[in-house]
Protein backbone atom coordinates (compact mmCIF):
# COMPACT_ATOMS: atom_id res chain seq x y z
CA MET A 1 50.35 -20.11 -54.40
CA ILE A 2 47.83 -19.71 -51.90
CA SER A 3 47.65 -16.66 -49.33
CA ILE A 4 48.48 -16.62 -45.72
CA ARG A 5 44.32 -15.43 -45.52
CA SER A 6 43.01 -18.05 -47.83
CA PHE A 7 44.60 -20.33 -45.75
CA ILE A 8 43.44 -19.63 -42.55
CA ARG A 9 39.77 -19.32 -44.02
CA TYR A 10 39.45 -22.19 -46.80
CA THR A 11 41.05 -25.02 -45.11
CA ALA A 12 40.80 -27.61 -42.67
CA LEU A 13 44.27 -27.19 -41.51
CA GLY A 14 44.16 -23.93 -41.07
CA ARG A 15 40.91 -23.87 -39.53
CA ILE A 16 42.98 -26.01 -36.92
CA LEU A 17 45.72 -24.07 -36.66
CA MET A 18 43.70 -20.77 -35.57
CA ILE A 19 41.99 -22.33 -32.32
CA PRO A 20 44.78 -21.25 -29.79
CA VAL A 21 45.23 -17.99 -31.55
CA ARG A 22 41.35 -17.07 -30.97
CA PHE A 23 41.13 -18.22 -27.11
CA LEU A 24 44.42 -15.91 -26.64
CA ARG A 25 42.83 -13.34 -28.59
CA PHE A 26 39.34 -13.40 -27.61
CA GLY A 27 38.70 -16.62 -25.16
CA VAL A 28 41.51 -15.33 -22.36
CA PRO A 29 40.85 -11.36 -22.76
CA ARG A 30 37.06 -12.31 -21.74
CA LEU A 31 37.40 -14.88 -18.94
CA ALA A 32 40.24 -12.83 -17.12
CA GLN A 33 36.64 -9.39 -16.74
CA GLU A 34 34.82 -12.32 -15.75
CA LEU A 35 37.45 -13.53 -13.03
CA GLY A 36 37.88 -9.90 -12.09
CA TYR A 37 34.39 -9.26 -11.13
CA PHE A 38 33.67 -12.45 -9.69
CA LEU A 39 36.93 -11.92 -7.30
CA ARG A 40 35.90 -7.88 -6.71
CA TRP A 41 32.38 -9.86 -6.00
CA SER A 42 33.95 -12.20 -3.54
CA CYS A 43 35.75 -9.84 -1.42
CA ALA A 44 33.28 -6.96 -1.58
CA SER A 45 29.63 -8.15 -1.67
CA LYS A 46 28.25 -10.17 1.49
CA GLU A 47 25.53 -12.14 -0.35
CA TYR A 48 25.36 -15.53 -1.37
CA TYR A 49 21.67 -16.11 -2.94
CA ASN A 50 19.85 -13.82 -4.92
CA TRP A 51 21.86 -11.33 -6.30
CA THR A 52 21.79 -7.53 -6.44
CA TYR A 53 23.30 -5.18 -9.30
CA ASP A 54 22.91 -2.60 -11.05
CA LEU A 55 22.34 -2.92 -14.96
CA THR A 56 24.23 -1.01 -17.44
CA PRO A 57 23.13 2.09 -19.05
CA LEU A 58 21.80 0.68 -22.42
CA ASN A 59 20.52 -1.64 -20.56
CA ARG A 60 18.58 1.00 -18.00
CA ASP A 61 17.41 2.21 -21.44
CA TYR A 62 16.07 -0.14 -22.74
CA LEU A 63 14.29 -1.39 -19.49
CA ALA A 64 12.37 1.54 -20.02
CA SER A 65 11.11 1.32 -23.48
CA TYR A 66 9.97 -2.27 -22.34
CA ILE A 67 7.97 -0.57 -19.54
CA ALA A 68 6.72 1.95 -22.03
CA VAL A 69 5.16 -0.95 -24.61
CA VAL A 70 3.71 -3.19 -21.68
CA THR A 71 1.93 -0.22 -20.19
CA GLY A 72 1.18 1.59 -23.08
CA HIS A 73 2.75 4.86 -21.52
CA GLU A 74 5.34 7.21 -22.92
CA VAL A 75 8.77 6.51 -22.54
CA ALA A 76 9.63 9.67 -20.99
CA THR A 77 7.39 8.91 -18.17
CA ILE A 78 8.45 6.33 -17.79
CA GLU A 79 12.12 7.69 -17.70
CA GLY A 80 10.75 9.79 -15.42
CA TYR A 81 9.72 7.55 -13.20
CA ILE A 82 13.00 5.42 -12.97
CA ARG A 83 14.61 8.79 -12.12
CA GLU A 84 12.25 9.31 -9.05
CA LEU A 85 13.53 6.35 -7.51
CA GLU A 86 16.96 6.50 -8.23
CA ASN A 87 17.10 9.81 -7.22
CA ASP A 88 15.08 8.82 -4.12
CA ALA A 89 17.38 9.52 -0.99
CA GLU A 90 15.20 8.74 1.51
CA LEU A 91 14.17 5.10 0.60
CA ARG A 92 17.82 4.27 -0.07
CA GLN A 93 18.78 5.22 3.60
CA ARG A 94 15.94 3.53 4.81
CA LEU A 95 16.58 0.63 3.04
CA ARG A 96 20.60 0.78 4.45
CA GLN A 97 19.25 1.09 8.09
CA GLN A 98 17.34 -1.52 8.21
CA THR A 99 19.75 -3.68 6.16
CA LEU A 100 22.25 -3.20 9.12
CA SER A 101 19.92 -3.60 11.58
CA SER A 102 18.44 -7.03 10.72
CA PRO A 103 19.62 -10.13 11.51
CA ASP A 104 20.55 -10.38 7.56
CA ARG A 105 23.45 -7.89 7.92
CA HIS A 106 26.41 -10.64 7.53
CA SER A 107 24.49 -12.40 4.19
CA CYS A 108 23.05 -8.80 2.80
CA ASP A 109 25.02 -6.01 0.90
CA ALA A 110 23.84 -2.73 2.40
CA GLU A 111 23.43 -0.79 -0.41
CA PRO A 112 20.38 -1.17 -2.27
CA ARG A 113 20.77 -2.04 -6.09
CA TYR A 114 17.41 -1.88 -7.62
CA GLY A 115 18.13 -3.89 -11.28
CA LYS A 116 14.96 -4.71 -13.21
CA ARG A 117 13.12 -3.54 -10.23
CA LEU A 118 13.81 0.03 -11.48
CA GLY A 119 11.10 -1.15 -14.33
CA TRP A 120 8.78 -3.00 -11.09
CA TYR A 121 8.75 0.87 -9.42
CA ALA A 122 8.09 2.88 -12.48
CA LEU A 123 5.14 0.45 -14.39
CA VAL A 124 3.32 0.71 -10.01
CA ARG A 125 4.09 4.30 -10.75
CA ALA A 126 2.61 4.76 -14.36
CA THR A 127 -0.47 2.45 -14.12
CA LYS A 128 -1.86 3.14 -10.28
CA PRO A 129 -2.85 -0.30 -9.37
CA ARG A 130 -5.13 -0.72 -6.83
CA VAL A 131 -4.02 -4.00 -5.99
CA ILE A 132 -0.44 -5.71 -6.70
CA LEU A 133 -0.51 -9.42 -5.50
CA GLU A 134 3.55 -11.31 -5.55
CA THR A 135 4.78 -14.32 -4.66
CA GLY A 136 7.88 -14.33 -3.12
CA VAL A 137 9.09 -11.52 -0.75
CA ASP A 138 12.19 -13.22 0.53
CA ARG A 139 14.22 -9.97 2.19
CA GLY A 140 11.92 -7.46 0.46
CA LEU A 141 13.66 -5.47 -1.64
CA GLY A 142 11.36 -5.83 -4.73
CA THR A 143 7.86 -5.42 -2.41
CA ALA A 144 9.61 -3.28 -0.88
CA VAL A 145 9.71 -0.71 -3.87
CA MET A 146 6.37 -1.39 -5.32
CA ALA A 147 5.08 -0.50 -1.74
CA ALA A 148 7.60 2.49 -2.12
CA ALA A 149 5.47 3.52 -5.99
CA LEU A 150 1.83 2.72 -4.06
CA TYR A 151 3.20 4.88 -1.38
CA ARG A 152 3.96 8.38 -3.21
CA ASN A 153 0.78 7.33 -5.93
CA GLN A 154 -0.93 7.15 -2.47
CA ARG A 155 -0.09 10.91 -1.37
CA GLU A 156 -0.98 11.79 -5.09
CA GLY A 157 -4.95 10.38 -4.14
CA TYR A 158 -4.45 7.10 -5.46
CA PRO A 159 -4.08 4.78 -2.89
CA GLY A 160 -3.26 1.04 -3.78
CA LEU A 161 -1.76 -1.88 -1.63
CA VAL A 162 0.43 -4.50 -2.90
CA PHE A 163 -0.23 -8.65 -1.32
CA ALA A 164 3.09 -10.25 -1.05
CA THR A 165 3.02 -13.67 -0.40
CA ASP A 166 5.84 -16.24 1.57
CA ILE A 167 6.25 -19.34 2.99
CA VAL A 168 8.61 -18.38 5.28
CA ARG A 169 7.76 -16.18 8.18
CA ASP A 170 10.48 -13.54 9.12
CA CYS A 171 10.35 -12.86 5.46
CA GLY A 172 10.62 -8.82 4.30
CA HIS A 173 12.76 -7.47 6.92
CA LEU A 174 13.53 -4.50 4.56
CA LEU A 175 9.85 -3.49 4.31
CA VAL A 176 10.01 -0.49 7.06
CA GLU A 177 7.32 2.41 7.55
CA PRO A 178 6.16 4.49 5.55
CA TYR A 179 5.92 2.33 2.89
CA ARG A 180 5.52 -0.82 4.82
CA GLN A 181 1.77 0.64 5.53
CA CYS A 182 0.98 0.01 1.40
CA CYS A 183 1.68 -3.15 1.80
CA ARG A 184 0.34 -7.01 3.66
CA LEU A 185 2.45 -9.74 4.16
CA LEU A 186 0.38 -13.26 3.57
CA ILE A 187 2.59 -15.89 4.90
CA GLY A 188 1.75 -19.70 3.46
CA ASP A 189 1.90 -22.07 0.59
CA SER A 190 1.73 -19.42 -2.15
CA ILE A 191 -0.60 -20.95 -4.40
CA GLU A 192 -2.85 -21.16 -1.20
CA SER A 193 -2.34 -17.78 -0.55
CA ILE A 194 -3.66 -16.66 -4.04
CA ARG A 195 -6.86 -19.15 -3.89
CA LYS A 196 -8.16 -17.60 -0.95
CA PHE A 197 -7.53 -14.04 -1.70
CA ASP A 198 -10.57 -12.45 -2.83
CA GLN A 199 -9.93 -8.96 -4.44
CA PRO A 200 -9.57 -8.56 -8.37
CA VAL A 201 -5.33 -7.79 -9.40
CA ASP A 202 -4.59 -5.72 -11.32
CA ILE A 203 -0.83 -7.02 -11.37
CA PHE A 204 0.01 -10.58 -10.75
CA LEU A 205 3.80 -10.78 -10.62
CA HIS A 206 5.31 -14.85 -9.70
CA ASP A 207 8.64 -14.76 -7.78
CA SER A 208 8.61 -17.53 -5.98
CA LEU A 209 9.18 -21.38 -6.37
CA HIS A 210 11.04 -20.82 -9.99
CA THR A 211 9.74 -24.82 -10.64
CA PRO A 212 7.51 -24.81 -14.42
CA GLU A 213 4.85 -26.43 -12.15
CA TYR A 214 4.80 -24.19 -9.37
CA GLU A 215 4.81 -21.62 -11.57
CA TRP A 216 1.73 -22.66 -13.69
CA GLY A 217 0.14 -23.83 -10.60
CA GLU A 218 -0.55 -19.84 -9.81
CA PHE A 219 -1.20 -18.16 -13.29
CA LEU A 220 -4.28 -20.77 -12.77
CA ALA A 221 -4.91 -19.93 -9.28
CA VAL A 222 -5.01 -16.19 -10.10
CA GLU A 223 -6.45 -16.33 -12.95
CA PRO A 224 -10.32 -15.46 -11.46
CA ARG A 225 -9.06 -12.80 -10.12
CA LEU A 226 -7.74 -10.93 -13.04
CA HIS A 227 -9.73 -8.83 -15.09
CA GLU A 228 -9.23 -7.75 -18.98
CA ALA A 229 -6.42 -4.90 -18.26
CA SER A 230 -4.92 -7.21 -15.58
CA LEU A 231 -1.07 -7.15 -15.98
CA VAL A 232 1.09 -10.41 -15.28
CA MET A 233 4.50 -10.75 -14.76
CA SER A 234 6.96 -13.74 -13.98
CA ASP A 235 10.54 -13.26 -12.81
CA ASN A 236 11.08 -16.89 -14.09
CA SER A 237 10.54 -16.51 -17.90
CA LEU A 238 14.37 -17.28 -18.22
CA MET A 239 13.82 -20.23 -17.52
CA THR A 240 10.48 -21.72 -18.81
CA THR A 241 8.18 -20.43 -21.08
CA LYS A 242 5.09 -20.84 -18.98
CA LEU A 243 4.01 -16.70 -19.40
CA ARG A 244 4.07 -17.38 -22.37
CA GLU A 245 1.39 -20.46 -22.74
CA PHE A 246 -0.20 -18.01 -19.81
CA ALA A 247 -0.80 -15.48 -22.00
CA GLN A 248 -1.42 -17.59 -25.32
CA ARG A 249 -4.21 -18.98 -23.12
CA ARG A 250 -5.75 -15.66 -22.07
CA GLY A 251 -5.05 -13.88 -26.08
CA LEU A 252 -2.51 -11.96 -24.40
CA GLU A 253 0.91 -10.34 -25.76
CA PHE A 254 4.05 -11.38 -24.11
CA LEU A 255 7.28 -9.67 -24.01
CA TYR A 256 10.50 -10.60 -22.54
CA PHE A 257 13.15 -8.08 -21.01
CA GLN A 258 16.72 -10.07 -20.23
CA ASP A 259 18.60 -7.54 -17.36
CA GLN A 260 22.68 -6.62 -18.14
CA PRO A 261 24.20 -6.29 -14.83
CA LYS A 262 26.34 -3.44 -14.50
CA ASP A 263 30.49 -4.71 -13.98
CA HIS A 264 28.78 -8.30 -12.26
CA TRP A 265 29.43 -11.54 -12.97
CA TRP A 266 26.28 -12.96 -12.78
CA PRO A 267 25.21 -12.88 -16.48
CA GLY A 268 21.45 -11.40 -15.46
CA ASP A 269 17.83 -12.09 -15.02
CA GLY A 270 15.15 -11.20 -16.96
CA ILE A 271 11.14 -10.77 -16.59
CA GLY A 272 8.53 -11.40 -18.70
CA THR A 273 5.06 -9.61 -18.76
CA ALA A 274 1.30 -10.99 -20.36
CA PHE A 275 -0.50 -7.89 -21.78
CA ARG A 276 -3.19 -5.93 -23.77
CA LEU A 277 -1.07 -4.57 -26.77
CA GLY A 278 -2.03 -0.86 -27.62
CA THR A 279 -3.82 -0.81 -24.50
CA LYS A 280 -2.81 1.99 -21.54
CA ALA A 281 -2.85 0.30 -18.49
CA PHE A 282 -4.17 2.47 -15.95
CA PHE A 283 -5.86 0.98 -12.80
CA ALA A 284 -7.05 3.98 -10.38
CA GLY A 285 -10.42 4.69 -10.36
CA ALA A 286 -11.50 8.79 -9.64
CA LYS A 287 -8.88 10.09 -7.45
CA SER A 288 -8.85 10.43 -4.01
CA ASN A 289 -9.74 14.09 -2.37
CA HIS A 290 -7.98 12.39 0.79
CA PRO A 291 -4.54 11.77 -0.29
CA GLY A 292 -2.38 9.86 2.57
């Protein structure tokens, strides 16, 4: 006589009978959890696009490893810079105050949740770039985080600037002093702004119009400004393979990081990086004798 276990595993009827069992055992708890996240977010958050969230502890650790690989720096160094941002109470307070006093206060959460921007900060702190070119500013959380990293670099004798492009004139309400001194906003079409840009670019970050055609257009526009050690990043690598194709075009490696939000209904975003494997990225020249 066939056992129940064998009947379920090896017969078509057993497979059909297991459908409601699997749904009740696995589907319902997962759906209930996701619904709980969504209901809590609906009541507690003001955001209606461009979600912000914290990372799970494990995902945060993996982010540190990812940044260590693409920069060539030690994991412990990257982890130290991530903690530096997490413990920066002054920056967090300034971001809260700026949100609450901005016209966007009814559509933005006051509490800054950095997510994968923890990695952006650590990358900038480790590599000491002279020029970052970012496309897409919006509220300016990512730009402010990179500017804060540059501000600390400057105080240590390694000055640098982030040039951030956006088509919206009143973008970047989170950019406040003293960090704003490390940022320049370029208003206009991103591709046109890149074409007019006349400086070598250490780090390029695509985070503007997320279509394959526009992303590729930005890569081609910035290519003449890149040098041998430049890092090229895309906030759109979850959706397209354009940065991977650009990495192949440049003879670079490509690596992707998928973030995992903590207690949030959104499944997460990610970021891709084109980089030269085995190279320790450090863009600063001689240390300045007159730190800011």
